[in-house]
Amino acid sequence: MSQRNFALGKTNFIIIGIAIFVIILGFILMAGPSSSPEAFEPDIFSAKRIKIAPIVCLVGFLLVIVGILFPSKNNSSENIDTK
């Protein structure tokens, strides 16, 4: 079976997978009960939902960028065939 050349290495995919988990965690932290015309829910203004969760999502998105840009060991300049 031949070896396929992927643009990203195993380490890159692991970092991206962790980043996706962090993003999902941020959206879960943002979820909660909503207010209705009949009842006001003061939890919509909690620090968890308006400060912590967006920061967690931002960290996840930045981690995706790091995962894409992280140099992989198998994509060095020695592997490029010049003919």
Protein backbone atom coordinates (compact mmCIF):
# COMPACT_ATOMS: atom_id res chain seq x y z
CA MET A 1 0.00 0.00 0.00
CA SER A 2 1.44 3.37 -0.97
CA GLN A 3 2.04 6.24 1.42
CA ARG A 4 -0.22 9.23 0.75
CA ASN A 5 1.12 12.73 1.15
CA PHE A 6 -1.27 14.82 3.22
CA ALA A 7 -0.85 18.54 3.70
CA LEU A 8 -1.15 18.16 7.47
CA GLY A 9 0.52 15.67 9.76
CA LYS A 10 -0.80 13.63 12.66
CA THR A 11 0.13 16.31 15.20
CA ASN A 12 -1.81 18.91 13.22
CA PHE A 13 -4.95 16.78 13.24
CA ILE A 14 -4.64 16.17 16.99
CA ILE A 15 -4.36 19.92 17.66
CA ILE A 16 -7.35 20.63 15.40
CA GLY A 17 -9.38 17.92 17.12
CA ILE A 18 -8.65 19.42 20.54
CA ALA A 19 -9.57 22.86 19.17
CA ILE A 20 -12.93 21.60 17.89
CA PHE A 21 -13.62 20.12 21.33
CA VAL A 22 -12.79 23.49 22.97
CA ILE A 23 -15.12 25.33 20.55
CA ILE A 24 -17.96 22.91 21.30
CA LEU A 25 -17.29 23.36 25.03
CA GLY A 26 -17.57 27.14 24.60
CA PHE A 27 -20.92 26.84 22.85
CA ILE A 28 -22.18 24.48 25.56
CA LEU A 29 -21.17 27.06 28.19
CA MET A 30 -23.19 29.70 26.29
CA ALA A 31 -26.32 27.54 26.27
CA GLY A 32 -28.93 27.89 28.95
CA PRO A 33 -32.46 28.96 29.65
CA SER A 34 -33.80 31.93 27.75
CA SER A 35 -36.09 34.70 28.86
CA SER A 36 -39.69 34.82 27.73
CA PRO A 37 -42.31 37.57 27.89
CA GLU A 38 -43.89 35.80 30.86
CA ALA A 39 -40.73 35.24 32.92
CA PHE A 40 -37.38 37.00 33.02
CA GLU A 41 -34.34 34.77 33.41
CA PRO A 42 -31.46 36.72 35.03
CA ASP A 43 -29.01 33.93 34.14
CA ILE A 44 -28.75 35.32 30.59
CA PHE A 45 -26.44 38.01 31.97
CA SER A 46 -24.19 35.67 33.98
CA ALA A 47 -20.42 36.00 33.62
CA LYS A 48 -20.23 32.44 32.36
CA ARG A 49 -22.44 33.17 29.37
CA ILE A 50 -21.20 36.63 28.38
CA LYS A 51 -17.50 36.54 29.32
CA ILE A 52 -16.07 33.06 29.83
CA ALA A 53 -17.82 31.16 27.02
CA PRO A 54 -16.88 33.60 24.23
CA ILE A 55 -13.26 33.60 25.42
CA VAL A 56 -13.25 29.78 25.38
CA CYS A 57 -14.62 29.82 21.80
CA LEU A 58 -12.00 32.38 20.74
CA VAL A 59 -9.24 30.22 22.21
CA GLY A 60 -10.63 27.27 20.26
CA PHE A 61 -10.64 29.19 16.98
CA LEU A 62 -7.08 30.41 17.60
CA LEU A 63 -6.06 26.83 18.35
CA VAL A 64 -7.44 25.76 14.96
CA ILE A 65 -5.18 28.33 13.31
CA VAL A 66 -2.22 27.06 15.33
CA GLY A 67 -3.08 23.50 14.34
CA ILE A 68 -3.09 24.40 10.66
CA LEU A 69 0.11 26.44 10.79
CA PHE A 70 2.06 24.09 13.08
CA PRO A 71 5.04 22.74 11.14
CA SER A 72 4.81 19.03 10.57
CA LYS A 73 7.88 16.79 10.58
CA ASN A 74 6.97 14.86 7.43
CA ASN A 75 6.57 17.97 5.26
CA SER A 76 10.17 19.15 5.20
CA SER A 77 11.88 20.59 2.15
CA GLU A 78 13.83 17.32 1.73
CA ASN A 79 10.67 15.45 0.64
CA ILE A 80 10.05 17.69 -2.37
CA ASP A 81 11.11 16.11 -5.65
CA THR A 82 12.63 18.56 -8.08
CA LYS A 83 12.98 17.25 -11.60
